[in-house]
Amino acid sequence: MEERKRKNRRAYLNDYQKDASGAYVYKGKVYKWKSPRKASLRKLWLFSGLAFGAQIAAGCIPETGMGGRPWVILPYVAALAAALSALWGVWTLTDGGDPVREHVYRQSVGSLPARTMATVLFSGGAALGELVNFFWKSQFTGSTAGAVTFLLPEAGCLLCAVLLQRTLRGLKWESSGDGNGKQ
């Protein structure tokens, strides 16, 4: 008699069982795309890729005045990490195929809203920090053009993350298999 593992990082392995030939077969819950998969993935890739690219672009702009200013650097780095995490979540979902296994669904669709919200918050925080930095004239070491040019990709990242969040909310799923999960 097989004992179920505790709910931990590898608990999903219990859903894989050996068949007669000795190969492992997935027997757990799956989620089928009700939304058009190809079009949905295209939007997810577009918005997550643009958000990450905008963060990279913002970091490449010289004379922003963020050098040595933790109120700009820390949210910028956090936004960059959050945008990369959202991009990773989209890759995980794409690689999950159709239908999507429950553990892949949780790792991608289940966590992407939080990842995109973190991107929105930290990107907005970096933009706000740059504005504070700019208007605090005694501390500002950059150029006006550099500050404005930094704010544009930050705003673009924020917009793409919001559009990614909206696209995620519009996805429709149908669950099947054993277990109880959200549809």
N, C-alpha and C. Protein backbone atom coordinates (compact mmCIF):
# COMPACT_ATOMS: atom_id res chain seq x y z
N MET A 1 0.84 -1.17 0.00
CA MET A 1 0.00 0.00 0.00
C MET A 1 0.89 1.25 0.00
N GLU A 2 0.67 2.12 -0.99
CA GLU A 2 1.51 3.30 -1.14
C GLU A 2 1.00 4.44 -0.26
N GLU A 3 1.91 5.01 0.50
CA GLU A 3 1.55 6.12 1.36
C GLU A 3 1.72 7.43 0.61
N ARG A 4 0.77 8.32 0.79
CA ARG A 4 0.88 9.65 0.16
C ARG A 4 1.91 10.47 0.94
N LYS A 5 2.76 11.18 0.16
CA LYS A 5 3.74 12.04 0.80
C LYS A 5 3.06 13.26 1.38
N ARG A 6 3.76 13.89 2.31
CA ARG A 6 3.26 15.16 2.83
C ARG A 6 3.19 16.16 1.68
N LYS A 7 2.36 17.19 1.85
CA LYS A 7 2.29 18.25 0.84
C LYS A 7 3.57 19.06 0.93
N ASN A 8 4.48 18.82 0.04
CA ASN A 8 5.71 19.58 -0.01
C ASN A 8 6.07 19.82 -1.47
N ARG A 9 7.29 20.26 -1.70
CA ARG A 9 7.70 20.61 -3.05
C ARG A 9 7.58 19.46 -4.04
N ARG A 10 7.78 18.26 -3.60
CA ARG A 10 7.77 17.12 -4.52
C ARG A 10 6.53 16.23 -4.36
N ALA A 11 5.50 16.74 -3.74
CA ALA A 11 4.28 15.96 -3.53
C ALA A 11 3.62 15.58 -4.86
N TYR A 12 3.84 16.38 -5.89
CA TYR A 12 3.24 16.09 -7.19
C TYR A 12 3.78 14.79 -7.79
N LEU A 13 4.90 14.32 -7.31
CA LEU A 13 5.45 13.05 -7.83
C LEU A 13 4.54 11.87 -7.53
N ASN A 14 3.67 12.02 -6.54
CA ASN A 14 2.72 10.95 -6.24
C ASN A 14 1.72 10.74 -7.38
N ASP A 15 1.56 11.74 -8.23
CA ASP A 15 0.63 11.62 -9.35
C ASP A 15 1.21 10.83 -10.52
N TYR A 16 2.47 10.48 -10.45
CA TYR A 16 3.10 9.66 -11.47
C TYR A 16 3.18 8.23 -10.97
N GLN A 17 2.63 7.31 -11.75
CA GLN A 17 2.61 5.91 -11.35
C GLN A 17 3.14 5.04 -12.48
N LYS A 18 3.72 3.92 -12.11
CA LYS A 18 4.25 3.00 -13.12
C LYS A 18 3.11 2.24 -13.78
N ASP A 19 3.24 2.06 -15.10
CA ASP A 19 2.27 1.23 -15.81
C ASP A 19 2.85 -0.18 -15.97
N ALA A 20 2.20 -1.02 -16.74
CA ALA A 20 2.61 -2.42 -16.89
C ALA A 20 4.01 -2.54 -17.49
N SER A 21 4.40 -1.61 -18.34
CA SER A 21 5.72 -1.69 -18.98
C SER A 21 6.82 -1.09 -18.11
N GLY A 22 6.47 -0.51 -16.99
CA GLY A 22 7.46 0.07 -16.09
C GLY A 22 7.69 1.56 -16.32
N ALA A 23 7.02 2.13 -17.29
CA ALA A 23 7.15 3.57 -17.56
C ALA A 23 6.23 4.34 -16.63
N TYR A 24 6.62 5.56 -16.31
CA TYR A 24 5.80 6.40 -15.44
C TYR A 24 4.74 7.13 -16.27
N VAL A 25 3.52 7.12 -15.74
CA VAL A 25 2.38 7.75 -16.40
C VAL A 25 1.74 8.71 -15.41
N TYR A 26 1.38 9.90 -15.89
CA TYR A 26 0.75 10.90 -15.03
C TYR A 26 -0.72 10.54 -14.84
N LYS A 27 -1.16 10.45 -13.59
CA LYS A 27 -2.53 10.07 -13.25
C LYS A 27 -3.27 11.17 -12.49
N GLY A 28 -2.67 12.35 -12.40
CA GLY A 28 -3.27 13.42 -11.61
C GLY A 28 -4.22 14.30 -12.41
N LYS A 29 -4.57 15.38 -11.81
CA LYS A 29 -5.50 16.33 -12.39
C LYS A 29 -4.82 17.12 -13.51
N VAL A 30 -5.56 17.41 -14.57
CA VAL A 30 -5.05 18.22 -15.67
C VAL A 30 -6.01 19.37 -15.95
N TYR A 31 -5.49 20.41 -16.55
CA TYR A 31 -6.27 21.58 -16.94
C TYR A 31 -6.15 21.74 -18.45
N LYS A 32 -7.31 21.80 -19.10
CA LYS A 32 -7.34 21.97 -20.55
C LYS A 32 -7.63 23.43 -20.87
N TRP A 33 -6.99 23.92 -21.91
CA TRP A 33 -7.21 25.28 -22.37
C TRP A 33 -8.62 25.39 -22.95
N LYS A 34 -9.41 26.32 -22.46
CA LYS A 34 -10.68 26.64 -23.11
C LYS A 34 -10.50 27.89 -23.96
N SER A 35 -9.52 28.72 -23.60
CA SER A 35 -9.16 29.88 -24.41
C SER A 35 -8.31 29.37 -25.57
N PRO A 36 -8.26 30.11 -26.68
CA PRO A 36 -7.38 29.68 -27.78
C PRO A 36 -5.92 29.70 -27.31
N ARG A 37 -5.30 28.54 -27.24
CA ARG A 37 -3.97 28.40 -26.65
C ARG A 37 -2.92 29.23 -27.37
N LYS A 38 -2.86 29.11 -28.67
CA LYS A 38 -1.80 29.78 -29.43
C LYS A 38 -1.90 31.30 -29.29
N ALA A 39 -3.09 31.85 -29.44
CA ALA A 39 -3.28 33.30 -29.33
C ALA A 39 -3.00 33.77 -27.90
N SER A 40 -3.42 32.99 -26.92
CA SER A 40 -3.20 33.37 -25.52
C SER A 40 -1.71 33.37 -25.19
N LEU A 41 -1.01 32.33 -25.63
CA LEU A 41 0.43 32.27 -25.37
C LEU A 41 1.17 33.40 -26.08
N ARG A 42 0.73 33.74 -27.27
CA ARG A 42 1.35 34.84 -28.00
C ARG A 42 1.24 36.14 -27.19
N LYS A 43 0.08 36.41 -26.64
CA LYS A 43 -0.11 37.62 -25.82
C LYS A 43 0.74 37.56 -24.55
N LEU A 44 0.73 36.40 -23.90
CA LEU A 44 1.51 36.27 -22.66
C LEU A 44 2.99 36.49 -22.92
N TRP A 45 3.50 35.90 -24.01
CA TRP A 45 4.91 36.09 -24.36
C TRP A 45 5.20 37.54 -24.71
N LEU A 46 4.31 38.17 -25.45
CA LEU A 46 4.52 39.55 -25.85
C LEU A 46 4.61 40.46 -24.63
N PHE A 47 3.63 40.38 -23.74
CA PHE A 47 3.61 41.28 -22.60
C PHE A 47 4.72 40.98 -21.59
N SER A 48 5.00 39.70 -21.33
CA SER A 48 6.07 39.39 -20.37
C SER A 48 7.44 39.73 -20.96
N GLY A 49 7.62 39.48 -22.25
CA GLY A 49 8.90 39.82 -22.89
C GLY A 49 9.13 41.31 -22.94
N LEU A 50 8.09 42.07 -23.27
CA LEU A 50 8.23 43.53 -23.30
C LEU A 50 8.49 44.10 -21.92
N ALA A 51 7.84 43.56 -20.90
CA ALA A 51 8.07 44.04 -19.54
C ALA A 51 9.51 43.79 -19.12
N PHE A 52 10.03 42.61 -19.40
CA PHE A 52 11.42 42.30 -19.05
C PHE A 52 12.38 43.15 -19.87
N GLY A 53 12.10 43.27 -21.17
CA GLY A 53 12.95 44.10 -22.03
C GLY A 53 12.97 45.56 -21.59
N ALA A 54 11.83 46.07 -21.15
CA ALA A 54 11.77 47.46 -20.68
C ALA A 54 12.61 47.63 -19.42
N GLN A 55 12.61 46.64 -18.55
CA GLN A 55 13.45 46.73 -17.35
C GLN A 55 14.93 46.73 -17.71
N ILE A 56 15.30 45.88 -18.65
CA ILE A 56 16.70 45.85 -19.10
C ILE A 56 17.06 47.21 -19.70
N ALA A 57 16.17 47.75 -20.55
CA ALA A 57 16.43 49.04 -21.18
C ALA A 57 16.58 50.15 -20.14
N ALA A 58 15.73 50.15 -19.12
CA ALA A 58 15.82 51.18 -18.09
C ALA A 58 17.16 51.12 -17.36
N GLY A 59 17.68 49.94 -17.17
CA GLY A 59 18.96 49.80 -16.49
C GLY A 59 20.16 50.20 -17.33
N CYS A 60 19.97 50.29 -18.64
CA CYS A 60 21.07 50.65 -19.55
C CYS A 60 21.17 52.15 -19.80
N ILE A 61 20.29 52.92 -19.23
CA ILE A 61 20.27 54.36 -19.50
C ILE A 61 21.26 55.06 -18.57
N PRO A 62 22.23 55.78 -19.18
CA PRO A 62 23.20 56.49 -18.34
C PRO A 62 22.62 57.79 -17.78
N GLU A 63 23.24 58.28 -16.75
CA GLU A 63 22.90 59.56 -16.15
C GLU A 63 21.47 59.67 -15.66
N THR A 64 20.98 58.58 -15.07
CA THR A 64 19.64 58.65 -14.52
C THR A 64 19.63 59.28 -13.14
N GLY A 65 20.75 59.25 -12.48
CA GLY A 65 20.80 59.77 -11.13
C GLY A 65 20.49 58.72 -10.09
N MET A 66 20.36 57.44 -10.52
CA MET A 66 20.04 56.41 -9.53
C MET A 66 21.29 55.83 -8.89
N GLY A 67 22.45 56.20 -9.35
CA GLY A 67 23.69 55.67 -8.80
C GLY A 67 23.81 55.96 -7.31
N GLY A 68 23.89 54.93 -6.51
CA GLY A 68 24.03 55.08 -5.08
C GLY A 68 22.76 55.48 -4.35
N ARG A 69 21.64 55.45 -5.03
CA ARG A 69 20.37 55.82 -4.41
C ARG A 69 19.52 54.57 -4.21
N PRO A 70 19.48 54.05 -2.99
CA PRO A 70 18.76 52.79 -2.76
C PRO A 70 17.26 52.89 -3.03
N TRP A 71 16.67 54.07 -2.91
CA TRP A 71 15.24 54.20 -3.16
C TRP A 71 14.89 54.07 -4.64
N VAL A 72 15.91 54.04 -5.51
CA VAL A 72 15.68 53.78 -6.92
C VAL A 72 16.24 52.41 -7.30
N ILE A 73 17.44 52.12 -6.82
CA ILE A 73 18.12 50.88 -7.22
C ILE A 73 17.38 49.65 -6.71
N LEU A 74 16.98 49.64 -5.44
CA LEU A 74 16.34 48.45 -4.88
C LEU A 74 15.02 48.10 -5.57
N PRO A 75 14.10 49.07 -5.78
CA PRO A 75 12.88 48.70 -6.51
C PRO A 75 13.17 48.33 -7.97
N TYR A 76 14.18 48.96 -8.57
CA TYR A 76 14.53 48.61 -9.95
C TYR A 76 14.98 47.14 -10.04
N VAL A 77 15.89 46.75 -9.15
CA VAL A 77 16.39 45.38 -9.17
C VAL A 77 15.26 44.39 -8.85
N ALA A 78 14.39 44.75 -7.92
CA ALA A 78 13.25 43.88 -7.59
C ALA A 78 12.29 43.78 -8.78
N ALA A 79 12.07 44.89 -9.51
CA ALA A 79 11.21 44.86 -10.69
C ALA A 79 11.84 44.01 -11.79
N LEU A 80 13.14 44.10 -11.94
CA LEU A 80 13.85 43.27 -12.93
C LEU A 80 13.70 41.79 -12.59
N ALA A 81 13.86 41.45 -11.32
CA ALA A 81 13.70 40.05 -10.89
C ALA A 81 12.26 39.58 -11.05
N ALA A 82 11.29 40.43 -10.72
CA ALA A 82 9.88 40.06 -10.86
C ALA A 82 9.50 39.88 -12.33
N ALA A 83 10.01 40.75 -13.21
CA ALA A 83 9.72 40.62 -14.64
C ALA A 83 10.34 39.35 -15.20
N LEU A 84 11.54 39.01 -14.74
CA LEU A 84 12.17 37.76 -15.16
C LEU A 84 11.38 36.56 -14.65
N SER A 85 10.87 36.66 -13.43
CA SER A 85 10.06 35.59 -12.86
C SER A 85 8.76 35.39 -13.64
N ALA A 86 8.14 36.49 -14.06
CA ALA A 86 6.92 36.39 -14.87
C ALA A 86 7.24 35.75 -16.23
N LEU A 87 8.35 36.12 -16.81
CA LEU A 87 8.77 35.52 -18.08
C LEU A 87 9.00 34.03 -17.91
N TRP A 88 9.60 33.64 -16.79
CA TRP A 88 9.83 32.23 -16.49
C TRP A 88 8.50 31.49 -16.32
N GLY A 89 7.54 32.12 -15.69
CA GLY A 89 6.22 31.51 -15.52
C GLY A 89 5.53 31.26 -16.86
N VAL A 90 5.67 32.20 -17.78
CA VAL A 90 5.09 32.02 -19.12
C VAL A 90 5.81 30.89 -19.84
N TRP A 91 7.12 30.80 -19.68
CA TRP A 91 7.86 29.70 -20.30
C TRP A 91 7.39 28.36 -19.72
N THR A 92 7.21 28.29 -18.41
CA THR A 92 6.74 27.07 -17.76
C THR A 92 5.38 26.66 -18.29
N LEU A 93 4.48 27.62 -18.47
CA LEU A 93 3.15 27.34 -19.00
C LEU A 93 3.24 26.85 -20.45
N THR A 94 4.07 27.48 -21.24
CA THR A 94 4.23 27.08 -22.64
C THR A 94 4.79 25.67 -22.73
N ASP A 95 5.78 25.39 -21.91
CA ASP A 95 6.42 24.07 -21.91
C ASP A 95 5.50 22.99 -21.34
N GLY A 96 4.49 23.39 -20.57
CA GLY A 96 3.57 22.45 -19.95
C GLY A 96 2.66 21.72 -20.93
N GLY A 97 2.52 22.24 -22.15
CA GLY A 97 1.72 21.58 -23.17
C GLY A 97 0.22 21.78 -22.96
N ASP A 98 -0.52 20.92 -23.63
CA ASP A 98 -1.98 20.96 -23.54
C ASP A 98 -2.47 19.52 -23.53
N PRO A 99 -3.09 19.04 -22.50
CA PRO A 99 -3.49 19.72 -21.27
C PRO A 99 -2.30 19.96 -20.34
N VAL A 100 -2.50 20.86 -19.40
CA VAL A 100 -1.46 21.24 -18.45
C VAL A 100 -1.65 20.43 -17.18
N ARG A 101 -0.58 19.80 -16.71
CA ARG A 101 -0.66 19.04 -15.46
C ARG A 101 -0.84 20.00 -14.29
N GLU A 102 -1.44 19.48 -13.22
CA GLU A 102 -1.80 20.33 -12.09
C GLU A 102 -0.60 21.05 -11.48
N HIS A 103 0.52 20.38 -11.31
CA HIS A 103 1.67 21.03 -10.69
C HIS A 103 2.25 22.12 -11.60
N VAL A 104 2.19 21.93 -12.92
CA VAL A 104 2.64 22.95 -13.85
C VAL A 104 1.66 24.12 -13.83
N TYR A 105 0.38 23.82 -13.74
CA TYR A 105 -0.65 24.86 -13.67
C TYR A 105 -0.41 25.75 -12.44
N ARG A 106 -0.15 25.12 -11.30
CA ARG A 106 0.09 25.90 -10.08
C ARG A 106 1.36 26.73 -10.18
N GLN A 107 2.41 26.16 -10.79
CA GLN A 107 3.68 26.88 -10.92
C GLN A 107 3.60 28.03 -11.92
N SER A 108 2.70 27.93 -12.87
CA SER A 108 2.62 28.98 -13.89
C SER A 108 1.37 29.84 -13.70
N VAL A 109 0.23 29.34 -14.06
CA VAL A 109 -1.01 30.12 -13.99
C VAL A 109 -1.33 30.50 -12.54
N GLY A 110 -1.05 29.62 -11.61
CA GLY A 110 -1.35 29.91 -10.21
C GLY A 110 -0.47 31.00 -9.61
N SER A 111 0.77 31.12 -10.08
CA SER A 111 1.68 32.10 -9.49
C SER A 111 1.91 33.33 -10.36
N LEU A 112 1.51 33.29 -11.62
CA LEU A 112 1.74 34.45 -12.49
C LEU A 112 1.05 35.73 -12.03
N PRO A 113 -0.17 35.69 -11.51
CA PRO A 113 -0.77 36.95 -11.04
C PRO A 113 0.07 37.64 -9.96
N ALA A 114 0.62 36.89 -9.04
CA ALA A 114 1.46 37.49 -7.99
C ALA A 114 2.76 38.02 -8.59
N ARG A 115 3.32 37.29 -9.54
CA ARG A 115 4.56 37.73 -10.18
C ARG A 115 4.35 39.02 -10.96
N THR A 116 3.23 39.11 -11.67
CA THR A 116 2.98 40.33 -12.44
C THR A 116 2.63 41.49 -11.51
N MET A 117 1.94 41.23 -10.42
CA MET A 117 1.64 42.30 -9.47
C MET A 117 2.93 42.81 -8.83
N ALA A 118 3.86 41.92 -8.54
CA ALA A 118 5.16 42.36 -8.02
C ALA A 118 5.89 43.22 -9.04
N THR A 119 5.80 42.86 -10.32
CA THR A 119 6.42 43.66 -11.37
C THR A 119 5.80 45.05 -11.41
N VAL A 120 4.48 45.12 -11.31
CA VAL A 120 3.79 46.41 -11.31
C VAL A 120 4.24 47.26 -10.12
N LEU A 121 4.22 46.68 -8.94
CA LEU A 121 4.55 47.44 -7.73
C LEU A 121 6.00 47.91 -7.72
N PHE A 122 6.92 47.03 -8.06
CA PHE A 122 8.33 47.41 -8.01
C PHE A 122 8.71 48.35 -9.15
N SER A 123 8.12 48.17 -10.31
CA SER A 123 8.39 49.08 -11.42
C SER A 123 7.86 50.47 -11.08
N GLY A 124 6.66 50.52 -10.52
CA GLY A 124 6.12 51.80 -10.07
C GLY A 124 6.98 52.41 -8.97
N GLY A 125 7.50 51.55 -8.09
CA GLY A 125 8.38 52.05 -7.03
C GLY A 125 9.67 52.62 -7.56
N ALA A 126 10.24 52.00 -8.60
CA ALA A 126 11.47 52.51 -9.20
C ALA A 126 11.20 53.85 -9.89
N ALA A 127 10.06 53.96 -10.57
CA ALA A 127 9.71 55.22 -11.23
C ALA A 127 9.48 56.32 -10.18
N LEU A 128 8.77 55.98 -9.12
CA LEU A 128 8.53 56.95 -8.06
C LEU A 128 9.84 57.37 -7.40
N GLY A 129 10.73 56.40 -7.17
CA GLY A 129 12.04 56.72 -6.59
C GLY A 129 12.85 57.64 -7.49
N GLU A 130 12.77 57.44 -8.80
CA GLU A 130 13.49 58.32 -9.72
C GLU A 130 12.89 59.72 -9.71
N LEU A 131 11.56 59.80 -9.60
CA LEU A 131 10.92 61.12 -9.50
C LEU A 131 11.34 61.85 -8.23
N VAL A 132 11.37 61.13 -7.11
CA VAL A 132 11.83 61.73 -5.85
C VAL A 132 13.27 62.18 -6.00
N ASN A 133 14.07 61.32 -6.60
CA ASN A 133 15.47 61.64 -6.82
C ASN A 133 15.61 62.88 -7.69
N PHE A 134 14.80 62.99 -8.73
CA PHE A 134 14.88 64.11 -9.65
C PHE A 134 14.48 65.43 -8.99
N PHE A 135 13.39 65.40 -8.22
CA PHE A 135 12.92 66.63 -7.60
C PHE A 135 13.70 67.02 -6.34
N TRP A 136 14.51 66.12 -5.84
CA TRP A 136 15.38 66.42 -4.69
C TRP A 136 16.70 66.91 -5.28
N LYS A 137 16.68 68.13 -5.74
CA LYS A 137 17.76 68.69 -6.56
C LYS A 137 19.13 68.60 -5.90
N SER A 138 19.21 68.72 -4.60
CA SER A 138 20.52 68.68 -3.96
C SER A 138 21.15 67.29 -4.05
N GLN A 139 20.33 66.24 -4.25
CA GLN A 139 20.84 64.88 -4.33
C GLN A 139 20.94 64.35 -5.76
N PHE A 140 20.32 65.03 -6.70
CA PHE A 140 20.26 64.53 -8.08
C PHE A 140 21.59 64.73 -8.78
N THR A 141 22.15 63.62 -9.28
CA THR A 141 23.45 63.67 -9.94
C THR A 141 23.36 63.38 -11.43
N GLY A 142 22.19 63.09 -11.93
CA GLY A 142 22.05 62.74 -13.35
C GLY A 142 21.60 63.93 -14.17
N SER A 143 21.16 63.62 -15.39
CA SER A 143 20.65 64.65 -16.28
C SER A 143 19.14 64.53 -16.37
N THR A 144 18.49 65.61 -16.76
CA THR A 144 17.04 65.60 -16.92
C THR A 144 16.65 64.61 -18.01
N ALA A 145 17.40 64.60 -19.11
CA ALA A 145 17.10 63.68 -20.21
C ALA A 145 17.24 62.23 -19.75
N GLY A 146 18.25 61.95 -18.93
CA GLY A 146 18.44 60.59 -18.42
C GLY A 146 17.30 60.16 -17.52
N ALA A 147 16.84 61.07 -16.67
CA ALA A 147 15.73 60.74 -15.76
C ALA A 147 14.45 60.48 -16.53
N VAL A 148 14.17 61.33 -17.51
CA VAL A 148 12.96 61.15 -18.31
C VAL A 148 13.04 59.86 -19.12
N THR A 149 14.22 59.60 -19.68
CA THR A 149 14.41 58.38 -20.48
C THR A 149 14.31 57.14 -19.61
N PHE A 150 14.67 57.22 -18.34
CA PHE A 150 14.51 56.09 -17.41
C PHE A 150 13.04 55.85 -17.11
N LEU A 151 12.27 56.93 -16.98
CA LEU A 151 10.86 56.80 -16.63
C LEU A 151 10.03 56.17 -17.75
N LEU A 152 10.41 56.37 -19.00
CA LEU A 152 9.64 55.82 -20.12
C LEU A 152 9.63 54.28 -20.12
N PRO A 153 10.79 53.60 -20.05
CA PRO A 153 10.70 52.13 -20.00
C PRO A 153 10.07 51.61 -18.71
N GLU A 154 10.23 52.33 -17.61
CA GLU A 154 9.57 51.91 -16.37
C GLU A 154 8.06 51.96 -16.53
N ALA A 155 7.57 53.01 -17.17
CA ALA A 155 6.13 53.12 -17.43
C ALA A 155 5.69 52.03 -18.41
N GLY A 156 6.54 51.74 -19.40
CA GLY A 156 6.24 50.66 -20.35
C GLY A 156 6.18 49.31 -19.68
N CYS A 157 7.10 49.06 -18.76
CA CYS A 157 7.09 47.80 -18.01
C CYS A 157 5.83 47.69 -17.18
N LEU A 158 5.48 48.77 -16.51
CA LEU A 158 4.28 48.77 -15.69
C LEU A 158 3.05 48.48 -16.54
N LEU A 159 2.95 49.13 -17.70
CA LEU A 159 1.81 48.92 -18.59
C LEU A 159 1.76 47.48 -19.10
N CYS A 160 2.89 46.94 -19.50
CA CYS A 160 2.93 45.55 -19.99
C CYS A 160 2.55 44.56 -18.90
N ALA A 161 2.99 44.83 -17.67
CA ALA A 161 2.63 43.93 -16.56
C ALA A 161 1.14 43.99 -16.27
N VAL A 162 0.54 45.17 -16.38
CA VAL A 162 -0.91 45.29 -16.18
C VAL A 162 -1.64 44.54 -17.29
N LEU A 163 -1.19 44.68 -18.54
CA LEU A 163 -1.81 43.96 -19.65
C LEU A 163 -1.62 42.45 -19.52
N LEU A 164 -0.48 42.04 -19.01
CA LEU A 164 -0.24 40.61 -18.76
C LEU A 164 -1.22 40.10 -17.70
N GLN A 165 -1.42 40.88 -16.66
CA GLN A 165 -2.37 40.52 -15.59
C GLN A 165 -3.78 40.39 -16.16
N ARG A 166 -4.17 41.32 -17.00
CA ARG A 166 -5.50 41.30 -17.61
C ARG A 166 -5.65 40.08 -18.52
N THR A 167 -4.64 39.75 -19.27
CA THR A 167 -4.67 38.57 -20.15
C THR A 167 -4.80 37.30 -19.32
N LEU A 168 -4.08 37.23 -18.22
CA LEU A 168 -4.16 36.06 -17.34
C LEU A 168 -5.57 35.88 -16.78
N ARG A 169 -6.19 36.98 -16.39
CA ARG A 169 -7.55 36.89 -15.85
C ARG A 169 -8.55 36.44 -16.90
N GLY A 170 -8.25 36.68 -18.17
CA GLY A 170 -9.16 36.30 -19.24
C GLY A 170 -9.02 34.86 -19.71
N LEU A 171 -8.00 34.16 -19.23
CA LEU A 171 -7.82 32.76 -19.64
C LEU A 171 -8.90 31.88 -19.04
N LYS A 172 -9.41 30.96 -19.84
CA LYS A 172 -10.42 30.01 -19.38
C LYS A 172 -9.83 28.61 -19.37
N TRP A 173 -10.13 27.88 -18.29
CA TRP A 173 -9.58 26.54 -18.11
C TRP A 173 -10.70 25.57 -17.78
N GLU A 174 -10.48 24.32 -18.12
CA GLU A 174 -11.40 23.24 -17.76
C GLU A 174 -10.57 22.16 -17.09
N SER A 175 -10.93 21.80 -15.86
CA SER A 175 -10.15 20.80 -15.14
C SER A 175 -10.78 19.42 -15.30
N SER A 176 -9.92 18.43 -15.28
CA SER A 176 -10.38 17.04 -15.32
C SER A 176 -9.38 16.19 -14.57
N GLY A 177 -9.80 15.01 -14.18
CA GLY A 177 -8.94 14.11 -13.43
C GLY A 177 -9.37 14.09 -11.98
N ASP A 178 -8.56 13.42 -11.14
CA ASP A 178 -8.91 13.33 -9.72
C ASP A 178 -8.39 14.54 -8.97
N GLY A 179 -8.85 14.73 -7.79
CA GLY A 179 -8.43 15.85 -6.95
C GLY A 179 -9.38 17.02 -7.08
N ASN A 180 -9.25 17.91 -6.16
CA ASN A 180 -10.08 19.12 -6.20
C ASN A 180 -9.18 20.33 -6.39
N GLY A 181 -9.41 21.10 -7.39
CA GLY A 181 -8.63 22.30 -7.66
C GLY A 181 -9.50 23.36 -8.26
N LYS A 182 -8.93 24.53 -8.40
CA LYS A 182 -9.69 25.63 -8.99
C LYS A 182 -9.75 25.47 -10.49
N GLN A 183 -10.84 25.92 -11.07
CA GLN A 183 -10.96 25.91 -12.53
C GLN A 183 -10.61 27.25 -13.07
